[in-house]
């Protein structure tokens, strides 16, 4: 036998005792997704949300709502005091601010475009400041924060991991990367690059106690098949995209529907928890998306029959 420290007999009574002591001393700090059924599927945290050491992939076709869903989760995390962060490889910081501010304040999305906002901008800026200040004072946490880093050009993996490390050191416990396929990993083909990126993010999350959510496109074939629910095997980049993840949550583009044509900002669809190392999997969650407020609302029990088939 090599160095005994490299081997642990887990059937030794003392080993069992130490295991129990470690469990008792572990601080569980769940991060709620804002979707009750998703939170409930997280056995590791007692059904209260994502673990603060998990690597999670949120996948979906183009324009299926991945970034919008990510902002919903970031807001929930901010109100939970987790100081969440977004590393955006696609949408400029001002675009993120415009979308988020239009959801948190009395300003509409188009009110925050330059041609409209420029008239009497000082008064409007003061009002915007006051309303964001009011949001930060809401319960259950005082002084909610959300950090954004934008990368206008495709960054390499080393730069991304440096960003992740800096954000963790600033206190972020939830870091969203939008989106995975834009990270450069040398001159590799996309499958090899996806493997390197996914493995690096998983290892960092597990080693440093931070939850990382990577937003992922589907491959071209799956994105165009609008009559079929996507699976984790459709993630762009191959098997490594899902094999490294603690969870894979997918936005089902095959069952999207406007419940009422009078309210085009409301969309009904399903989230599908296709992979879950931390609890039950293959769970379809009916949700309604309000693109004005950015809220993803789980359907009430009496509403489920009205969701798209």
Protein backbone atom coordinates (compact mmCIF):
# COMPACT_ATOMS: atom_id res chain seq x y z
CA UNK A 1 0.00 0.00 0.00
CA UNK A 2 1.25 3.49 -0.80
CA UNK A 3 0.99 6.42 1.59
CA UNK A 4 -1.82 5.50 4.02
CA UNK A 5 -3.08 9.07 3.82
CA UNK A 6 -4.14 8.33 0.26
CA UNK A 7 -6.54 5.64 1.43
CA UNK A 8 -9.57 5.86 3.71
CA UNK A 9 -11.45 2.88 5.07
CA UNK A 10 -14.97 4.32 5.17
CA UNK A 11 -16.26 1.33 7.17
CA UNK A 12 -14.04 2.14 10.14
CA UNK A 13 -16.22 3.38 13.05
CA UNK A 14 -13.94 6.36 13.67
CA UNK A 15 -14.22 7.33 10.00
CA UNK A 16 -18.01 7.21 10.30
CA UNK A 17 -17.87 9.40 13.41
CA UNK A 18 -15.66 11.99 11.69
CA UNK A 19 -18.02 11.96 8.72
CA UNK A 20 -20.93 12.74 11.04
CA UNK A 21 -18.98 15.49 12.78
CA UNK A 22 -18.14 17.06 9.43
CA UNK A 23 -21.80 16.99 8.39
CA UNK A 24 -22.81 18.64 11.65
CA UNK A 25 -20.30 21.45 11.17
CA UNK A 26 -21.17 22.11 7.52
CA UNK A 27 -22.88 25.45 6.94
CA UNK A 28 -25.63 25.04 4.36
CA UNK A 29 -26.10 28.27 2.41
CA UNK A 30 -28.67 27.53 -0.30
CA UNK A 31 -29.26 29.94 -3.17
CA UNK A 32 -32.93 30.07 -4.14
CA UNK A 33 -33.72 29.98 -7.86
CA UNK A 34 -37.08 31.69 -7.37
CA UNK A 35 -38.76 28.56 -8.81
CA UNK A 36 -40.13 26.43 -5.91
CA UNK A 37 -40.08 23.06 -7.69
CA UNK A 38 -36.48 23.61 -8.78
CA UNK A 39 -35.47 24.51 -5.23
CA UNK A 40 -37.33 21.46 -3.89
CA UNK A 41 -35.34 19.14 -6.21
CA UNK A 42 -32.09 20.15 -4.47
CA UNK A 43 -31.77 17.46 -1.78
CA UNK A 44 -28.25 18.54 -0.79
CA UNK A 45 -29.61 21.83 0.59
CA UNK A 46 -32.81 20.42 2.08
CA UNK A 47 -34.88 21.54 -0.90
CA UNK A 48 -34.04 25.21 -0.40
CA UNK A 49 -32.11 25.94 -3.60
CA UNK A 50 -28.76 25.53 -5.33
CA UNK A 51 -25.67 24.54 -3.38
CA UNK A 52 -22.94 27.15 -3.09
CA UNK A 53 -20.35 24.81 -4.63
CA UNK A 54 -22.32 23.57 -7.65
CA UNK A 55 -21.71 24.00 -11.35
CA UNK A 56 -25.07 24.30 -13.14
CA UNK A 57 -25.80 24.55 -16.87
CA UNK A 58 -28.87 26.45 -18.06
CA UNK A 59 -29.49 25.52 -21.69
CA UNK A 60 -31.85 26.59 -24.41
CA UNK A 61 -32.25 27.51 -28.05
CA UNK A 62 -31.48 31.01 -29.30
CA UNK A 63 -33.99 33.58 -28.02
CA UNK A 64 -35.59 31.08 -25.65
CA UNK A 65 -35.05 33.35 -22.63
CA UNK A 66 -31.78 32.14 -21.08
CA UNK A 67 -30.43 35.60 -20.27
CA UNK A 68 -33.82 36.69 -18.97
CA UNK A 69 -33.99 33.63 -16.73
CA UNK A 70 -30.45 34.33 -15.52
CA UNK A 71 -31.41 37.89 -14.55
CA UNK A 72 -34.40 36.51 -12.64
CA UNK A 73 -32.06 34.23 -10.67
CA UNK A 74 -29.55 37.04 -10.13
CA UNK A 75 -32.28 39.26 -8.65
CA UNK A 76 -33.41 36.48 -6.33
CA UNK A 77 -29.81 35.93 -5.23
CA UNK A 78 -29.28 39.66 -4.69
CA UNK A 79 -32.30 39.83 -2.41
CA UNK A 80 -30.95 36.77 -0.60
CA UNK A 81 -27.72 38.62 0.17
CA UNK A 82 -25.47 36.50 -2.07
CA UNK A 83 -23.90 39.39 -4.04
CA UNK A 84 -24.41 37.68 -7.42
CA UNK A 85 -22.39 38.46 -10.54
CA UNK A 86 -22.85 38.24 -14.28
CA UNK A 87 -19.99 37.83 -16.74
CA UNK A 88 -21.53 38.84 -20.06
CA UNK A 89 -19.82 37.76 -23.27
CA UNK A 90 -22.65 38.85 -25.53
CA UNK A 91 -24.83 41.64 -24.11
CA UNK A 92 -23.13 44.95 -23.24
CA UNK A 93 -23.31 46.12 -19.63
CA UNK A 94 -25.59 49.02 -20.62
CA UNK A 95 -27.95 46.53 -22.24
CA UNK A 96 -28.05 44.49 -19.04
CA UNK A 97 -28.66 47.66 -17.02
CA UNK A 98 -31.46 48.78 -19.36
CA UNK A 99 -33.21 45.42 -19.09
CA UNK A 100 -32.79 45.15 -15.32
CA UNK A 101 -33.69 48.77 -14.51
CA UNK A 102 -36.83 48.51 -16.64
CA UNK A 103 -37.85 45.52 -14.51
CA UNK A 104 -37.05 47.07 -11.12
CA UNK A 105 -38.27 50.64 -11.61
CA UNK A 106 -41.17 52.62 -13.07
CA UNK A 107 -39.18 53.16 -16.29
CA UNK A 108 -40.07 51.02 -19.29
CA UNK A 109 -37.43 49.43 -21.50
CA UNK A 110 -37.93 51.99 -24.27
CA UNK A 111 -37.93 54.86 -21.76
CA UNK A 112 -34.28 54.01 -21.12
CA UNK A 113 -33.17 54.40 -24.73
CA UNK A 114 -30.98 57.48 -25.36
CA UNK A 115 -33.41 59.37 -27.63
CA UNK A 116 -36.18 59.23 -25.01
CA UNK A 117 -34.10 59.55 -21.88
CA UNK A 118 -32.05 62.54 -23.06
CA UNK A 119 -34.94 64.96 -22.56
CA UNK A 120 -34.81 66.21 -18.96
CA UNK A 121 -32.18 63.55 -18.22
CA UNK A 122 -31.08 65.05 -14.90
CA UNK A 123 -34.56 64.71 -13.37
CA UNK A 124 -34.94 61.21 -14.81
CA UNK A 125 -31.49 60.14 -13.58
CA UNK A 126 -32.31 61.35 -10.07
CA UNK A 127 -35.58 59.39 -10.15
CA UNK A 128 -33.80 56.28 -11.43
CA UNK A 129 -31.23 56.59 -8.64
CA UNK A 130 -33.97 56.93 -6.00
CA UNK A 131 -35.91 53.91 -7.25
CA UNK A 132 -32.83 51.68 -7.36
CA UNK A 133 -31.96 52.87 -3.85
CA UNK A 134 -35.46 51.87 -2.75
CA UNK A 135 -35.00 48.41 -4.25
CA UNK A 136 -31.75 47.94 -2.31
CA UNK A 137 -33.49 48.70 0.97
CA UNK A 138 -36.12 45.99 0.57
CA UNK A 139 -36.35 43.06 2.88
CA UNK A 140 -35.04 40.45 3.47
CA UNK A 141 -31.62 42.01 2.90
CA UNK A 142 -30.20 45.51 3.17
CA UNK A 143 -27.92 46.80 0.42
CA UNK A 144 -28.47 44.24 -2.37
CA UNK A 145 -25.62 44.13 -4.91
CA UNK A 146 -25.11 42.70 -8.38
CA UNK A 147 -21.81 42.88 -10.26
CA UNK A 148 -21.50 42.86 -14.06
CA UNK A 149 -18.37 42.30 -16.14
CA UNK A 150 -18.67 42.69 -19.89
CA UNK A 151 -16.36 41.20 -22.50
CA UNK A 152 -17.01 42.80 -25.91
CA UNK A 153 -14.50 40.46 -27.53
CA UNK A 154 -14.41 36.71 -27.06
CA UNK A 155 -12.14 36.22 -24.02
CA UNK A 156 -9.90 33.25 -23.41
CA UNK A 157 -10.49 30.80 -20.59
CA UNK A 158 -7.68 32.22 -18.50
CA UNK A 159 -9.29 35.68 -18.50
CA UNK A 160 -12.67 34.23 -17.56
CA UNK A 161 -11.24 32.24 -14.66
CA UNK A 162 -9.46 35.37 -13.43
CA UNK A 163 -12.79 37.22 -13.49
CA UNK A 164 -14.46 34.38 -11.58
CA UNK A 165 -11.72 34.39 -8.97
CA UNK A 166 -11.87 38.18 -8.52
CA UNK A 167 -15.65 38.13 -8.15
CA UNK A 168 -15.50 35.36 -5.55
CA UNK A 169 -12.95 37.35 -3.58
CA UNK A 170 -15.33 40.33 -3.71
CA UNK A 171 -17.94 38.18 -1.99
CA UNK A 172 -20.01 36.79 -4.86
CA UNK A 173 -21.51 33.38 -4.12
CA UNK A 174 -23.39 33.07 -7.43
CA UNK A 175 -21.62 33.78 -10.72
CA UNK A 176 -23.42 33.51 -14.06
CA UNK A 177 -21.48 33.18 -17.31
CA UNK A 178 -23.40 34.18 -20.46
CA UNK A 179 -22.61 32.24 -22.52
CA UNK A 180 -20.24 29.25 -22.52
CA UNK A 181 -19.70 28.83 -26.25
CA UNK A 182 -18.08 32.26 -26.56
CA UNK A 183 -15.14 31.39 -24.30
CA UNK A 184 -11.97 30.70 -26.26
CA UNK A 185 -9.92 27.67 -25.31
CA UNK A 186 -6.92 27.81 -27.62
CA UNK A 187 -7.46 26.78 -31.24
CA UNK A 188 -9.54 23.75 -30.31
CA UNK A 189 -12.70 22.59 -32.01
CA UNK A 190 -15.87 23.47 -30.12
CA UNK A 191 -16.26 20.03 -28.47
CA UNK A 192 -12.71 20.08 -27.10
CA UNK A 193 -13.06 23.71 -26.03
CA UNK A 194 -16.36 22.93 -24.28
CA UNK A 195 -14.65 20.14 -22.37
CA UNK A 196 -11.86 22.40 -21.14
CA UNK A 197 -14.22 25.24 -20.19
CA UNK A 198 -16.71 22.98 -18.39
CA UNK A 199 -14.03 21.13 -16.47
CA UNK A 200 -12.39 24.38 -15.36
CA UNK A 201 -15.67 25.86 -14.11
CA UNK A 202 -16.71 22.67 -12.31
CA UNK A 203 -13.35 22.30 -10.60
CA UNK A 204 -13.33 25.94 -9.50
CA UNK A 205 -16.88 25.82 -8.13
CA UNK A 206 -16.25 22.64 -6.18
CA UNK A 207 -12.89 23.77 -4.81
CA UNK A 208 -13.80 27.33 -3.86
CA UNK A 209 -17.37 27.15 -2.59
CA UNK A 210 -19.08 29.28 -5.22
CA UNK A 211 -22.08 28.42 -7.40
CA UNK A 212 -21.40 28.93 -11.11
CA UNK A 213 -24.18 28.89 -13.70
CA UNK A 214 -23.13 28.60 -17.33
CA UNK A 215 -25.65 29.56 -20.01
CA UNK A 216 -25.41 27.28 -23.02
CA UNK A 217 -26.76 27.29 -26.54
CA UNK A 218 -28.18 24.14 -28.11
CA UNK A 219 -26.58 22.67 -31.21
CA UNK A 220 -27.96 23.92 -34.51
CA UNK A 221 -30.06 20.85 -35.13
CA UNK A 222 -31.84 20.97 -31.79
CA UNK A 223 -32.38 24.74 -32.01
CA UNK A 224 -34.27 24.40 -35.29
CA UNK A 225 -36.42 21.47 -34.13
CA UNK A 226 -39.14 23.57 -32.55
CA UNK A 227 -41.53 20.62 -32.17
CA UNK A 228 -39.22 18.61 -29.88
CA UNK A 229 -38.31 19.17 -26.26
CA UNK A 230 -34.54 19.63 -25.93
CA UNK A 231 -32.42 17.25 -23.88
CA UNK A 232 -29.06 17.70 -22.18
CA UNK A 233 -27.46 15.80 -25.07
CA UNK A 234 -28.43 18.72 -27.34
CA UNK A 235 -26.09 21.15 -25.57
CA UNK A 236 -23.66 22.71 -28.00
CA UNK A 237 -20.24 21.23 -27.33
CA UNK A 238 -21.07 17.62 -26.68
CA UNK A 239 -21.17 15.28 -23.72
CA UNK A 240 -18.75 17.23 -21.53
CA UNK A 241 -21.23 20.09 -21.25
CA UNK A 242 -23.62 17.97 -19.20
CA UNK A 243 -21.22 15.44 -17.70
CA UNK A 244 -19.43 18.09 -15.62
CA UNK A 245 -22.60 19.71 -14.28
CA UNK A 246 -24.33 19.07 -10.97
CA UNK A 247 -27.55 20.05 -12.71
CA UNK A 248 -28.71 20.74 -16.25
CA UNK A 249 -31.86 22.86 -16.55
CA UNK A 250 -33.35 23.39 -20.02
CA UNK A 251 -35.88 25.88 -21.36
CA UNK A 252 -38.41 23.97 -23.45
CA UNK A 253 -38.88 25.88 -26.70
CA UNK A 254 -41.29 23.26 -28.06
CA UNK A 255 -44.09 24.23 -25.66
CA UNK A 256 -44.08 28.01 -25.63
CA UNK A 257 -47.40 29.78 -25.85
CA UNK A 258 -48.98 33.16 -25.21
CA UNK A 259 -51.81 32.55 -22.77
CA UNK A 260 -53.61 35.73 -23.78
CA UNK A 261 -52.91 37.61 -27.03
CA UNK A 262 -53.80 40.85 -25.24
CA UNK A 263 -50.65 40.47 -23.14
CA UNK A 264 -47.78 39.63 -25.52
CA UNK A 265 -45.24 40.12 -22.72
CA UNK A 266 -46.56 37.01 -20.95
CA UNK A 267 -45.27 33.65 -22.19
CA UNK A 268 -45.97 30.18 -20.85
CA UNK A 269 -43.49 27.34 -21.22
CA UNK A 270 -41.68 24.68 -19.19
CA UNK A 271 -38.34 24.34 -17.48
CA UNK A 272 -37.00 20.79 -17.65
CA UNK A 273 -34.52 19.55 -15.05
CA UNK A 274 -32.89 16.90 -17.21
CA UNK A 275 -29.91 16.12 -14.99
CA UNK A 276 -29.64 16.36 -11.23
CA UNK A 277 -26.86 14.78 -9.19
CA UNK A 278 -28.33 16.35 -6.07
CA UNK A 279 -31.89 15.02 -6.19
CA UNK A 280 -34.69 13.87 -8.53
CA UNK A 281 -34.31 14.50 -12.25
CA UNK A 282 -36.48 14.67 -15.38
CA UNK A 283 -38.86 17.15 -13.77
CA UNK A 284 -41.00 19.41 -15.99
CA UNK A 285 -41.86 22.71 -14.31
CA UNK A 286 -44.63 24.86 -15.86
CA UNK A 287 -43.66 28.54 -15.71
CA UNK A 288 -44.97 31.87 -16.92
CA UNK A 289 -42.47 34.51 -18.01
CA UNK A 290 -43.34 38.17 -17.65
CA UNK A 291 -40.92 39.97 -19.95
CA UNK A 292 -41.90 43.34 -18.47
CA UNK A 293 -40.91 42.46 -14.91
CA UNK A 294 -38.47 39.66 -15.76
CA UNK A 295 -40.19 37.34 -13.28
CA UNK A 296 -40.42 33.61 -13.98
CA UNK A 297 -43.47 32.45 -12.06
CA UNK A 298 -44.19 28.79 -11.41
CA UNK A 299 -47.75 27.83 -12.31
CA UNK A 300 -50.20 27.37 -9.47
CA UNK A 301 -51.64 23.86 -9.13
CA UNK A 302 -55.07 24.91 -10.43
CA UNK A 303 -53.47 26.51 -13.53
CA UNK A 304 -51.44 23.58 -14.82
CA UNK A 305 -54.17 22.23 -17.12
CA UNK A 306 -54.08 25.47 -19.10
CA UNK A 307 -50.35 25.20 -19.92
CA UNK A 308 -49.38 24.26 -23.50
CA UNK A 309 -49.36 20.53 -24.24
